[in-house]
Amino acid sequence: MINLFNKLLSIFHLQVVPNEEPHKEERSFLKDITSPEFIQKHPDFLDRYVEGQKNKSLYVGDINYLEDKNGRTYYQDLRSKTYYCDYDENPSKEVLGFMIDETTFTPEELEEKLKK
């Protein structure tokens, strides 16, 4: 199609050239603000960012977990006081409910499981 237009426009000494957009590299805000160059240019950036937030602390909370002898990690949900273990990513909806049931433990159940 471009060749046809170029032949028609060649009468007027014009030419159609495909537009080449510069390659946009994916950037991460976290990588940008933690780069040494950024920190040198803006040493007080994080302080000003935190001051603008309602909660001025960067502390989110403790992550409580237990690890069995096989290396599986069981994380504690502080609200329900239950423990859960990571499961496969992207399971089907039918399998997800079963996996959650099979990987969620009360403290007593987890204690029994870790004794085995």
PDB file of N, CA and C in Angstrom:
ATOM      1  N   MET A   1       0.826  -1.190   0.000  1.00  0.00           N
ATOM      2  CA  MET A   1       0.000   0.000   0.000  1.00  0.00           C
ATOM      3  C   MET A   1       0.868   1.250   0.000  1.00  0.00           C
ATOM      4  N   ILE A   2       1.932   1.218   0.808  1.00  0.00           N
ATOM      5  CA  ILE A   2       2.835   2.359   0.876  1.00  0.00           C
ATOM      6  C   ILE A   2       3.538   2.542  -0.464  1.00  0.00           C
ATOM      7  N   ASN A   3       3.865   1.440  -1.120  1.00  0.00           N
ATOM      8  CA  ASN A   3       4.514   1.520  -2.427  1.00  0.00           C
ATOM      9  C   ASN A   3       3.609   2.211  -3.452  1.00  0.00           C
ATOM     10  N   LEU A   4       2.322   1.920  -3.406  1.00  0.00           N
ATOM     11  CA  LEU A   4       1.372   2.550  -4.323  1.00  0.00           C
ATOM     12  C   LEU A   4       1.311   4.053  -4.082  1.00  0.00           C
ATOM     13  N   PHE A   5       1.226   4.448  -2.811  1.00  0.00           N
ATOM     14  CA  PHE A   5       1.221   5.876  -2.483  1.00  0.00           C
ATOM     15  C   PHE A   5       2.520   6.544  -2.920  1.00  0.00           C
ATOM     16  N   ASN A   6       3.624   5.855  -2.717  1.00  0.00           N
ATOM     17  CA  ASN A   6       4.911   6.428  -3.114  1.00  0.00           C
ATOM     18  C   ASN A   6       4.996   6.636  -4.623  1.00  0.00           C
ATOM     19  N   LYS A   7       4.437   5.714  -5.396  1.00  0.00           N
ATOM     20  CA  LYS A   7       4.434   5.882  -6.848  1.00  0.00           C
ATOM     21  C   LYS A   7       3.602   7.090  -7.257  1.00  0.00           C
ATOM     22  N   LEU A   8       2.438   7.249  -6.598  1.00  0.00           N
ATOM     23  CA  LEU A   8       1.592   8.407  -6.899  1.00  0.00           C
ATOM     24  C   LEU A   8       2.258   9.711  -6.456  1.00  0.00           C
ATOM     25  N   LEU A   9       2.874   9.707  -5.296  1.00  0.00           N
ATOM     26  CA  LEU A   9       3.494  10.916  -4.777  1.00  0.00           C
ATOM     27  C   LEU A   9       4.824  11.231  -5.448  1.00  0.00           C
ATOM     28  N   SER A  10       5.417  10.255  -6.131  1.00  0.00           N
ATOM     29  CA  SER A  10       6.700  10.503  -6.799  1.00  0.00           C
ATOM     30  C   SER A  10       6.561  11.557  -7.901  1.00  0.00           C
ATOM     31  N   ILE A  11       5.360  11.743  -8.387  1.00  0.00           N
ATOM     32  CA  ILE A  11       5.101  12.783  -9.385  1.00  0.00           C
ATOM     33  C   ILE A  11       5.457  14.146  -8.809  1.00  0.00           C
ATOM     34  N   PHE A  12       5.155  14.321  -7.500  1.00  0.00           N
ATOM     35  CA  PHE A  12       5.413  15.596  -6.820  1.00  0.00           C
ATOM     36  C   PHE A  12       6.711  15.564  -6.020  1.00  0.00           C
ATOM     37  N   HIS A  13       7.510  14.552  -6.246  1.00  0.00           N
ATOM     38  CA  HIS A  13       8.781  14.365  -5.549  1.00  0.00           C
ATOM     39  C   HIS A  13       8.582  14.254  -4.028  1.00  0.00           C
ATOM     40  N   LEU A  14       7.537  13.522  -3.632  1.00  0.00           N
ATOM     41  CA  LEU A  14       7.248  13.258  -2.220  1.00  0.00           C
ATOM     42  C   LEU A  14       7.313  11.756  -1.981  1.00  0.00           C
ATOM     43  N   GLN A  15       7.402  11.393  -0.702  1.00  0.00           N
ATOM     44  CA  GLN A  15       7.494   9.981  -0.375  1.00  0.00           C
ATOM     45  C   GLN A  15       6.885   9.743   1.005  1.00  0.00           C
ATOM     46  N   VAL A  16       6.169   8.641   1.137  1.00  0.00           N
ATOM     47  CA  VAL A  16       5.594   8.232   2.424  1.00  0.00           C
ATOM     48  C   VAL A  16       6.619   7.354   3.124  1.00  0.00           C
ATOM     49  N   VAL A  17       6.901   7.703   4.382  1.00  0.00           N
ATOM     50  CA  VAL A  17       7.875   6.952   5.172  1.00  0.00           C
ATOM     51  C   VAL A  17       7.154   6.419   6.405  1.00  0.00           C
ATOM     52  N   PRO A  18       7.318   5.135   6.708  1.00  0.00           N
ATOM     53  CA  PRO A  18       6.654   4.608   7.917  1.00  0.00           C
ATOM     54  C   PRO A  18       7.163   5.312   9.164  1.00  0.00           C
ATOM     55  N   ASN A  19       6.232   5.574  10.058  1.00  0.00           N
ATOM     56  CA  ASN A  19       6.563   6.261  11.311  1.00  0.00           C
ATOM     57  C   ASN A  19       7.200   5.270  12.266  1.00  0.00           C
ATOM     58  N   GLU A  20       8.407   5.547  12.673  1.00  0.00           N
ATOM     59  CA  GLU A  20       9.098   4.669  13.609  1.00  0.00           C
ATOM     60  C   GLU A  20       9.076   5.312  14.986  1.00  0.00           C
ATOM     61  N   GLU A  21       8.289   4.717  15.875  1.00  0.00           N
ATOM     62  CA  GLU A  21       8.234   5.225  17.237  1.00  0.00           C
ATOM     63  C   GLU A  21       9.436   4.717  18.010  1.00  0.00           C
ATOM     64  N   PRO A  22      10.005   5.555  18.854  1.00  0.00           N
ATOM     65  CA  PRO A  22      11.134   5.069  19.659  1.00  0.00           C
ATOM     66  C   PRO A  22      10.660   3.964  20.606  1.00  0.00           C
ATOM     67  N   HIS A  23      11.517   3.004  20.814  1.00  0.00           N
ATOM     68  CA  HIS A  23      11.188   1.885  21.697  1.00  0.00           C
ATOM     69  C   HIS A  23      11.034   2.396  23.133  1.00  0.00           C
ATOM     70  N   LYS A  24       9.888   2.111  23.721  1.00  0.00           N
ATOM     71  CA  LYS A  24       9.658   2.530  25.098  1.00  0.00           C
ATOM     72  C   LYS A  24      10.053   1.384  26.017  1.00  0.00           C
ATOM     73  N   GLU A  25      11.041   1.632  26.846  1.00  0.00           N
ATOM     74  CA  GLU A  25      11.460   0.578  27.761  1.00  0.00           C
ATOM     75  C   GLU A  25      10.571   0.616  28.996  1.00  0.00           C
ATOM     76  N   GLU A  26      10.291  -0.548  29.520  1.00  0.00           N
ATOM     77  CA  GLU A  26       9.460  -0.629  30.714  1.00  0.00           C
ATOM     78  C   GLU A  26      10.247  -0.099  31.892  1.00  0.00           C
ATOM     79  N   ARG A  27       9.595   0.709  32.694  1.00  0.00           N
ATOM     80  CA  ARG A  27      10.272   1.309  33.830  1.00  0.00           C
ATOM     81  C   ARG A  27       9.485   0.994  35.082  1.00  0.00           C
ATOM     82  N   SER A  28      10.185   0.937  36.161  1.00  0.00           N
ATOM     83  CA  SER A  28       9.577   0.667  37.446  1.00  0.00           C
ATOM     84  C   SER A  28       9.802   1.873  38.344  1.00  0.00           C
ATOM     85  N   PHE A  29       8.728   2.360  38.937  1.00  0.00           N
ATOM     86  CA  PHE A  29       8.834   3.498  39.846  1.00  0.00           C
ATOM     87  C   PHE A  29       9.781   3.167  40.998  1.00  0.00           C
ATOM     88  N   LEU A  30       9.669   1.965  41.523  1.00  0.00           N
ATOM     89  CA  LEU A  30      10.518   1.559  42.633  1.00  0.00           C
ATOM     90  C   LEU A  30      11.986   1.556  42.239  1.00  0.00           C
ATOM     91  N   LYS A  31      12.291   1.040  41.040  1.00  0.00           N
ATOM     92  CA  LYS A  31      13.681   1.047  40.583  1.00  0.00           C
ATOM     93  C   LYS A  31      14.170   2.475  40.358  1.00  0.00           C
ATOM     94  N   ASP A  32      13.282   3.327  39.841  1.00  0.00           N
ATOM     95  CA  ASP A  32      13.680   4.711  39.589  1.00  0.00           C
ATOM     96  C   ASP A  32      14.030   5.442  40.885  1.00  0.00           C
ATOM     97  N   ILE A  33      13.209   5.291  41.909  1.00  0.00           N
ATOM     98  CA  ILE A  33      13.460   6.065  43.134  1.00  0.00           C
ATOM     99  C   ILE A  33      14.535   5.448  44.015  1.00  0.00           C
ATOM    100  N   THR A  34      14.935   4.213  43.733  1.00  0.00           N
ATOM    101  CA  THR A  34      16.005   3.602  44.526  1.00  0.00           C
ATOM    102  C   THR A  34      17.341   3.590  43.802  1.00  0.00           C
ATOM    103  N   SER A  35      17.379   4.168  42.606  1.00  0.00           N
ATOM    104  CA  SER A  35      18.655   4.203  41.889  1.00  0.00           C
ATOM    105  C   SER A  35      19.603   5.194  42.569  1.00  0.00           C
ATOM    106  N   PRO A  36      20.888   4.903  42.562  1.00  0.00           N
ATOM    107  CA  PRO A  36      21.852   5.798  43.204  1.00  0.00           C
ATOM    108  C   PRO A  36      21.816   7.222  42.635  1.00  0.00           C
ATOM    109  N   GLU A  37      21.587   7.347  41.331  1.00  0.00           N
ATOM    110  CA  GLU A  37      21.530   8.677  40.727  1.00  0.00           C
ATOM    111  C   GLU A  37      20.368   9.481  41.292  1.00  0.00           C
ATOM    112  N   PHE A  38      19.197   8.840  41.411  1.00  0.00           N
ATOM    113  CA  PHE A  38      18.018   9.534  41.920  1.00  0.00           C
ATOM    114  C   PHE A  38      18.224   9.923  43.377  1.00  0.00           C
ATOM    115  N   ILE A  39      18.790   9.022  44.164  1.00  0.00           N
ATOM    116  CA  ILE A  39      19.007   9.302  45.589  1.00  0.00           C
ATOM    117  C   ILE A  39      19.985  10.457  45.765  1.00  0.00           C
ATOM    118  N   GLN A  40      21.013  10.539  44.904  1.00  0.00           N
ATOM    119  CA  GLN A  40      21.953  11.651  44.999  1.00  0.00           C
ATOM    120  C   GLN A  40      21.299  12.971  44.619  1.00  0.00           C
ATOM    121  N   LYS A  41      20.436  12.954  43.597  1.00  0.00           N
ATOM    122  CA  LYS A  41      19.770  14.184  43.164  1.00  0.00           C
ATOM    123  C   LYS A  41      18.685  14.630  44.135  1.00  0.00           C
ATOM    124  N   HIS A  42      17.975  13.654  44.730  1.00  0.00           N
ATOM    125  CA  HIS A  42      16.832  13.962  45.602  1.00  0.00           C
ATOM    126  C   HIS A  42      16.963  13.199  46.918  1.00  0.00           C
ATOM    127  N   PRO A  43      17.876  13.598  47.796  1.00  0.00           N
ATOM    128  CA  PRO A  43      18.099  12.816  49.019  1.00  0.00           C
ATOM    129  C   PRO A  43      16.917  12.829  49.986  1.00  0.00           C
ATOM    130  N   ASP A  44      16.072  13.851  49.909  1.00  0.00           N
ATOM    131  CA  ASP A  44      14.955  13.923  50.858  1.00  0.00           C
ATOM    132  C   ASP A  44      13.620  13.501  50.236  1.00  0.00           C
ATOM    133  N   PHE A  45      13.647  12.834  49.084  1.00  0.00           N
ATOM    134  CA  PHE A  45      12.407  12.454  48.405  1.00  0.00           C
ATOM    135  C   PHE A  45      11.525  11.576  49.275  1.00  0.00           C
ATOM    136  N   LEU A  46      12.072  10.502  49.829  1.00  0.00           N
ATOM    137  CA  LEU A  46      11.257   9.589  50.634  1.00  0.00           C
ATOM    138  C   LEU A  46      10.725  10.275  51.881  1.00  0.00           C
ATOM    139  N   ASP A  47      11.515  11.152  52.481  1.00  0.00           N
ATOM    140  CA  ASP A  47      11.031  11.882  53.660  1.00  0.00           C
ATOM    141  C   ASP A  47       9.821  12.742  53.297  1.00  0.00           C
ATOM    142  N   ARG A  48       9.899  13.451  52.185  1.00  0.00           N
ATOM    143  CA  ARG A  48       8.768  14.291  51.765  1.00  0.00           C
ATOM    144  C   ARG A  48       7.578  13.439  51.363  1.00  0.00           C
ATOM    145  N   TYR A  49       7.830  12.292  50.729  1.00  0.00           N
ATOM    146  CA  TYR A  49       6.741  11.406  50.329  1.00  0.00           C
ATOM    147  C   TYR A  49       6.001  10.870  51.552  1.00  0.00           C
ATOM    148  N   VAL A  50       6.749  10.443  52.544  1.00  0.00           N
ATOM    149  CA  VAL A  50       6.139   9.893  53.753  1.00  0.00           C
ATOM    150  C   VAL A  50       5.394  10.982  54.518  1.00  0.00           C
ATOM    151  N   GLU A  51       5.928  12.199  54.548  1.00  0.00           N
ATOM    152  CA  GLU A  51       5.248  13.292  55.245  1.00  0.00           C
ATOM    153  C   GLU A  51       3.891  13.595  54.621  1.00  0.00           C
ATOM    154  N   GLY A  52       3.759  13.386  53.323  1.00  0.00           N
ATOM    155  CA  GLY A  52       2.499  13.650  52.636  1.00  0.00           C
ATOM    156  C   GLY A  52       1.450  12.581  52.852  1.00  0.00           C
ATOM    157  N   GLN A  53       1.809  11.460  53.430  1.00  0.00           N
ATOM    158  CA  GLN A  53       0.882  10.358  53.657  1.00  0.00           C
ATOM    159  C   GLN A  53       0.191  10.521  55.008  1.00  0.00           C
ATOM    160  N   LYS A  54      -1.004   9.947  55.130  1.00  0.00           N
ATOM    161  CA  LYS A  54      -1.724   9.997  56.402  1.00  0.00           C
ATOM    162  C   LYS A  54      -0.967   9.231  57.472  1.00  0.00           C
ATOM    163  N   ASN A  55      -0.558   8.026  57.131  1.00  0.00           N
ATOM    164  CA  ASN A  55       0.222   7.219  58.053  1.00  0.00           C
ATOM    165  C   ASN A  55       1.688   7.488  57.754  1.00  0.00           C
ATOM    166  N   LYS A  56       2.383   8.166  58.645  1.00  0.00           N
ATOM    167  CA  LYS A  56       3.729   8.611  58.352  1.00  0.00           C
ATOM    168  C   LYS A  56       4.778   7.531  58.525  1.00  0.00           C
ATOM    169  N   SER A  57       4.388   6.370  58.947  1.00  0.00           N
ATOM    170  CA  SER A  57       5.342   5.296  59.158  1.00  0.00           C
ATOM    171  C   SER A  57       5.354   4.361  57.958  1.00  0.00           C
ATOM    172  N   LEU A  58       6.517   3.889  57.584  1.00  0.00           N
ATOM    173  CA  LEU A  58       6.621   2.902  56.524  1.00  0.00           C
ATOM    174  C   LEU A  58       6.374   1.495  57.054  1.00  0.00           C
ATOM    175  N   TYR A  59       6.212   1.356  58.366  1.00  0.00           N
ATOM    176  CA  TYR A  59       5.957   0.058  58.992  1.00  0.00           C
ATOM    177  C   TYR A  59       4.555  -0.406  58.647  1.00  0.00           C
ATOM    178  N   VAL A  60       4.441  -1.603  58.119  1.00  0.00           N
ATOM    179  CA  VAL A  60       3.147  -2.156  57.751  1.00  0.00           C
ATOM    180  C   VAL A  60       2.688  -3.170  58.784  1.00  0.00           C
ATOM    181  N   GLY A  61       3.591  -3.983  59.260  1.00  0.00           N
ATOM    182  CA  GLY A  61       3.244  -4.990  60.246  1.00  0.00           C
ATOM    183  C   GLY A  61       4.237  -6.122  60.222  1.00  0.00           C
ATOM    184  N   ASP A  62       4.154  -6.967  61.226  1.00  0.00           N
ATOM    185  CA  ASP A  62       5.029  -8.118  61.303  1.00  0.00           C
ATOM    186  C   ASP A  62       4.496  -9.235  60.413  1.00  0.00           C
ATOM    187  N   ILE A  63       5.393 -10.005  59.872  1.00  0.00           N
ATOM    188  CA  ILE A  63       5.008 -11.204  59.129  1.00  0.00           C
ATOM    189  C   ILE A  63       5.423 -12.385  59.991  1.00  0.00           C
ATOM    190  N   ASN A  64       4.430 -13.044  60.555  1.00  0.00           N
ATOM    191  CA  ASN A  64       4.687 -14.192  61.407  1.00  0.00           C
ATOM    192  C   ASN A  64       4.560 -15.460  60.579  1.00  0.00           C
ATOM    193  N   TYR A  65       5.544 -16.323  60.709  1.00  0.00           N
ATOM    194  CA  TYR A  65       5.492 -17.570  59.954  1.00  0.00           C
ATOM    195  C   TYR A  65       6.253 -18.663  60.692  1.00  0.00           C
ATOM    196  N   LEU A  66       5.929 -19.876  60.339  1.00  0.00           N
ATOM    197  CA  LEU A  66       6.624 -21.060  60.827  1.00  0.00           C
ATOM    198  C   LEU A  66       7.111 -21.831  59.613  1.00  0.00           C
ATOM    199  N   GLU A  67       8.180 -22.566  59.791  1.00  0.00           N
ATOM    200  CA  GLU A  67       8.713 -23.349  58.685  1.00  0.00           C
ATOM    201  C   GLU A  67       8.878 -24.789  59.149  1.00  0.00           C
ATOM    202  N   ASP A  68       8.408 -25.730  58.321  1.00  0.00           N
ATOM    203  CA  ASP A  68       8.568 -27.131  58.699  1.00  0.00           C
ATOM    204  C   ASP A  68       9.935 -27.641  58.253  1.00  0.00           C
ATOM    205  N   LYS A  69      10.224 -28.907  58.586  1.00  0.00           N
ATOM    206  CA  LYS A  69      11.550 -29.450  58.282  1.00  0.00           C
ATOM    207  C   LYS A  69      11.784 -29.639  56.785  1.00  0.00           C
ATOM    208  N   ASN A  70      10.718 -29.613  55.977  1.00  0.00           N
ATOM    209  CA  ASN A  70      10.849 -29.735  54.524  1.00  0.00           C
ATOM    210  C   ASN A  70      11.018 -28.378  53.844  1.00  0.00           C
ATOM    211  N   GLY A  71      10.962 -27.307  54.618  1.00  0.00           N
ATOM    212  CA  GLY A  71      11.150 -25.980  54.048  1.00  0.00           C
ATOM    213  C   GLY A  71       9.870 -25.277  53.640  1.00  0.00           C
ATOM    214  N   ARG A  72       8.711 -25.880  53.870  1.00  0.00           N
ATOM    215  CA  ARG A  72       7.437 -25.216  53.554  1.00  0.00           C
ATOM    216  C   ARG A  72       7.174 -24.155  54.606  1.00  0.00           C
ATOM    217  N   THR A  73       6.725 -23.007  54.172  1.00  0.00           N
ATOM    218  CA  THR A  73       6.500 -21.883  55.063  1.00  0.00           C
ATOM    219  C   THR A  73       5.004 -21.716  55.302  1.00  0.00           C
ATOM    220  N   TYR A  74       4.626 -21.538  56.560  1.00  0.00           N
ATOM    221  CA  TYR A  74       3.239 -21.333  56.953  1.00  0.00           C
ATOM    222  C   TYR A  74       3.134 -19.937  57.560  1.00  0.00           C
ATOM    223  N   TYR A  75       2.359 -19.062  56.903  1.00  0.00           N
ATOM    224  CA  TYR A  75       2.202 -17.685  57.339  1.00  0.00           C
ATOM    225  C   TYR A  75       0.976 -17.561  58.231  1.00  0.00           C
ATOM    226  N   GLN A  76       1.044 -16.641  59.195  1.00  0.00           N
ATOM    227  CA  GLN A  76      -0.076 -16.468  60.118  1.00  0.00           C
ATOM    228  C   GLN A  76      -0.894 -15.252  59.704  1.00  0.00           C
ATOM    229  N   ASP A  77      -2.209 -15.449  59.629  1.00  0.00           N
ATOM    230  CA  ASP A  77      -3.138 -14.345  59.409  1.00  0.00           C
ATOM    231  C   ASP A  77      -3.468 -13.786  60.784  1.00  0.00           C
ATOM    232  N   LEU A  78      -3.063 -12.545  61.064  1.00  0.00           N
ATOM    233  CA  LEU A  78      -3.210 -11.988  62.398  1.00  0.00           C
ATOM    234  C   LEU A  78      -4.664 -11.739  62.776  1.00  0.00           C
ATOM    235  N   ARG A  79      -5.528 -11.538  61.786  1.00  0.00           N
ATOM    236  CA  ARG A  79      -6.940 -11.291  62.111  1.00  0.00           C
ATOM    237  C   ARG A  79      -7.640 -12.566  62.561  1.00  0.00           C
ATOM    238  N   SER A  80      -7.471 -13.634  61.798  1.00  0.00           N
ATOM    239  CA  SER A  80      -8.185 -14.870  62.128  1.00  0.00           C
ATOM    240  C   SER A  80      -7.340 -15.832  62.951  1.00  0.00           C
ATOM    241  N   LYS A  81      -6.073 -15.515  63.158  1.00  0.00           N
ATOM    242  CA  LYS A  81      -5.133 -16.349  63.923  1.00  0.00           C
ATOM    243  C   LYS A  81      -4.932 -17.724  63.296  1.00  0.00           C
ATOM    244  N   THR A  82      -5.245 -17.862  62.012  1.00  0.00           N
ATOM    245  CA  THR A  82      -5.000 -19.130  61.325  1.00  0.00           C
ATOM    246  C   THR A  82      -3.706 -19.020  60.532  1.00  0.00           C
ATOM    247  N   TYR A  83      -3.184 -20.174  60.175  1.00  0.00           N
ATOM    248  CA  TYR A  83      -1.970 -20.229  59.364  1.00  0.00           C
ATOM    249  C   TYR A  83      -2.348 -20.738  57.982  1.00  0.00           C
ATOM    250  N   TYR A  84      -1.630 -20.280  56.995  1.00  0.00           N
ATOM    251  CA  TYR A  84      -1.852 -20.783  55.648  1.00  0.00           C
ATOM    252  C   TYR A  84      -0.513 -20.989  54.956  1.00  0.00           C
ATOM    253  N   CYS A  85      -0.539 -21.866  53.992  1.00  0.00           N
ATOM    254  CA  CYS A  85       0.664 -22.203  53.237  1.00  0.00           C
ATOM    255  C   CYS A  85       0.435 -21.770  51.802  1.00  0.00           C
ATOM    256  N   ASP A  86       1.491 -21.323  51.138  1.00  0.00           N
ATOM    257  CA  ASP A  86       1.354 -20.924  49.738  1.00  0.00           C
ATOM    258  C   ASP A  86       0.882 -22.104  48.910  1.00  0.00           C
ATOM    259  N   TYR A  87       0.112 -21.811  47.884  1.00  0.00           N
ATOM    260  CA  TYR A  87      -0.352 -22.839  46.971  1.00  0.00           C
ATOM    261  C   TYR A  87      -0.011 -22.422  45.561  1.00  0.00           C
ATOM    262  N   ASP A  88      -0.238 -23.317  44.609  1.00  0.00           N
ATOM    263  CA  ASP A  88       0.114 -23.071  43.211  1.00  0.00           C
ATOM    264  C   ASP A  88      -0.545 -21.799  42.705  1.00  0.00           C
ATOM    265  N   GLU A  89       0.149 -21.110  41.801  1.00  0.00           N
ATOM    266  CA  GLU A  89      -0.410 -19.904  41.209  1.00  0.00           C
ATOM    267  C   GLU A  89      -1.374 -20.263  40.089  1.00  0.00           C
ATOM    268  N   ASN A  90      -2.395 -19.454  39.930  1.00  0.00           N
ATOM    269  CA  ASN A  90      -3.390 -19.555  38.866  1.00  0.00           C
ATOM    270  C   ASN A  90      -4.108 -20.898  38.793  1.00  0.00           C
ATOM    271  N   PRO A  91      -4.639 -21.401  39.923  1.00  0.00           N
ATOM    272  CA  PRO A  91      -5.426 -22.626  39.828  1.00  0.00           C
ATOM    273  C   PRO A  91      -6.834 -22.301  39.311  1.00  0.00           C
ATOM    274  N   SER A  92      -7.553 -23.313  38.871  1.00  0.00           N
ATOM    275  CA  SER A  92      -8.932 -23.096  38.443  1.00  0.00           C
ATOM    276  C   SER A  92      -9.781 -22.783  39.673  1.00  0.00           C
ATOM    277  N   LYS A  93     -10.977 -22.232  39.457  1.00  0.00           N
ATOM    278  CA  LYS A  93     -11.836 -21.827  40.570  1.00  0.00           C
ATOM    279  C   LYS A  93     -12.240 -23.022  41.430  1.00  0.00           C
ATOM    280  N   GLU A  94     -12.477 -24.170  40.786  1.00  0.00           N
ATOM    281  CA  GLU A  94     -12.879 -25.352  41.535  1.00  0.00           C
ATOM    282  C   GLU A  94     -11.744 -25.824  42.432  1.00  0.00           C
ATOM    283  N   VAL A  95     -10.529 -25.774  41.901  1.00  0.00           N
ATOM    284  CA  VAL A  95      -9.373 -26.258  42.646  1.00  0.00           C
ATOM    285  C   VAL A  95      -8.972 -25.263  43.734  1.00  0.00           C
ATOM    286  N   LEU A  96      -9.193 -23.963  43.489  1.00  0.00           N
ATOM    287  CA  LEU A  96      -8.768 -22.932  44.434  1.00  0.00           C
ATOM    288  C   LEU A  96      -9.418 -23.116  45.809  1.00  0.00           C
ATOM    289  N   GLY A  97     -10.726 -23.328  45.840  1.00  0.00           N
ATOM    290  CA  GLY A  97     -11.412 -23.525  47.118  1.00  0.00           C
ATOM    291  C   GLY A  97     -10.867 -24.724  47.867  1.00  0.00           C
ATOM    292  N   PHE A  98     -10.628 -25.803  47.150  1.00  0.00           N
ATOM    293  CA  PHE A  98     -10.072 -27.009  47.759  1.00  0.00           C
ATOM    294  C   PHE A  98      -8.672 -26.741  48.292  1.00  0.00           C
ATOM    295  N   MET A  99      -7.856 -26.009  47.523  1.00  0.00           N
ATOM    296  CA  MET A  99      -6.483 -25.719  47.944  1.00  0.00           C
ATOM    297  C   MET A  99      -6.458 -24.845  49.189  1.00  0.00           C
ATOM    298  N   ILE A 100      -7.350 -23.864  49.249  1.00  0.00           N
ATOM    299  CA  ILE A 100      -7.400 -22.994  50.425  1.00  0.00           C
ATOM    300  C   ILE A 100      -7.781 -23.805  51.650  1.00  0.00           C
ATOM    301  N   ASP A 101      -8.778 -24.678  51.505  1.00  0.00           N
ATOM    302  CA  ASP A 101      -9.185 -25.533  52.630  1.00  0.00           C
ATOM    303  C   ASP A 101      -8.047 -26.439  53.080  1.00  0.00           C
ATOM    304  N   GLU A 102      -7.292 -26.972  52.138  1.00  0.00           N
ATOM    305  CA  GLU A 102      -6.214 -27.906  52.454  1.00  0.00           C
ATOM    306  C   GLU A 102      -4.960 -27.214  52.987  1.00  0.00           C
ATOM    307  N   THR A 103      -4.810 -25.914  52.765  1.00  0.00           N
ATOM    308  CA  THR A 103      -3.587 -25.227  53.188  1.00  0.00           C
ATOM    309  C   THR A 103      -3.835 -24.208  54.288  1.00  0.00           C
ATOM    310  N   THR A 104      -5.023 -24.227  54.898  1.00  0.00           N
ATOM    311  CA  THR A 104      -5.342 -23.320  56.005  1.00  0.00           C
ATOM    312  C   THR A 104      -5.466 -24.146  57.276  1.00  0.00           C
ATOM    313  N   PHE A 105      -4.758 -23.715  58.330  1.00  0.00           N
ATOM    314  CA  PHE A 105      -4.704 -24.489  59.567  1.00  0.00           C
ATOM    315  C   PHE A 105      -4.943 -23.586  60.772  1.00  0.00           C
ATOM    316  N   THR A 106      -5.628 -24.123  61.763  1.00  0.00           N
ATOM    317  CA  THR A 106      -5.694 -23.440  63.054  1.00  0.00           C
ATOM    318  C   THR A 106      -4.348 -23.679  63.739  1.00  0.00           C
ATOM    319  N   PRO A 107      -4.013 -22.906  64.781  1.00  0.00           N
ATOM    320  CA  PRO A 107      -2.736 -23.138  65.458  1.00  0.00           C
ATOM    321  C   PRO A 107      -2.580 -24.580  65.967  1.00  0.00           C
ATOM    322  N   GLU A 108      -3.667 -25.166  66.451  1.00  0.00           N
ATOM    323  CA  GLU A 108      -3.599 -26.535  66.958  1.00  0.00           C
ATOM    324  C   GLU A 108      -3.347 -27.530  65.829  1.00  0.00           C
ATOM    325  N   GLU A 109      -4.040 -27.353  64.697  1.00  0.00           N
ATOM    326  CA  GLU A 109      -3.847 -28.242  63.549  1.00  0.00           C
ATOM    327  C   GLU A 109      -2.425 -28.145  63.017  1.00  0.00           C
ATOM    328  N   LEU A 110      -1.898 -26.927  62.962  1.00  0.00           N
ATOM    329  CA  LEU A 110      -0.537 -26.749  62.461  1.00  0.00           C
ATOM    330  C   LEU A 110       0.474 -27.364  63.414  1.00  0.00           C
ATOM    331  N   GLU A 111       0.237 -27.253  64.703  1.00  0.00           N
ATOM    332  CA  GLU A 111       1.137 -27.856  65.685  1.00  0.00           C
ATOM    333  C   GLU A 111       1.193 -29.370  65.496  1.00  0.00           C
ATOM    334  N   GLU A 112       0.019 -29.978  65.292  1.00  0.00           N
ATOM    335  CA  GLU A 112      -0.057 -31.420  65.042  1.00  0.00           C
ATOM    336  C   GLU A 112       0.671 -31.781  63.745  1.00  0.00           C
ATOM    337  N   LYS A 113       0.445 -30.979  62.714  1.00  0.00           N
ATOM    338  CA  LYS A 113       1.080 -31.249  61.409  1.00  0.00           C
ATOM    339  C   LYS A 113       2.604 -31.136  61.503  1.00  0.00           C
ATOM    340  N   LEU A 114       3.107 -30.179  62.239  1.00  0.00           N
ATOM    341  CA  LEU A 114       4.553 -29.986  62.350  1.00  0.00           C
ATOM    342  C   LEU A 114       5.215 -31.051  63.218  1.00  0.00           C
ATOM    343  N   LYS A 115       4.444 -31.691  64.104  1.00  0.00           N
ATOM    344  CA  LYS A 115       4.992 -32.755  64.950  1.00  0.00           C
ATOM    345  C   LYS A 115       5.282 -34.013  64.134  1.00  0.00           C
ATOM    346  N   LYS A 116       4.560 -34.207  63.046  1.00  0.00           N
ATOM    347  CA  LYS A 116       4.697 -35.428  62.234  1.00  0.00           C
ATOM    348  C   LYS A 116       6.024 -35.484  61.557  1.00  0.00           C
TER     349      LYS A 116
END
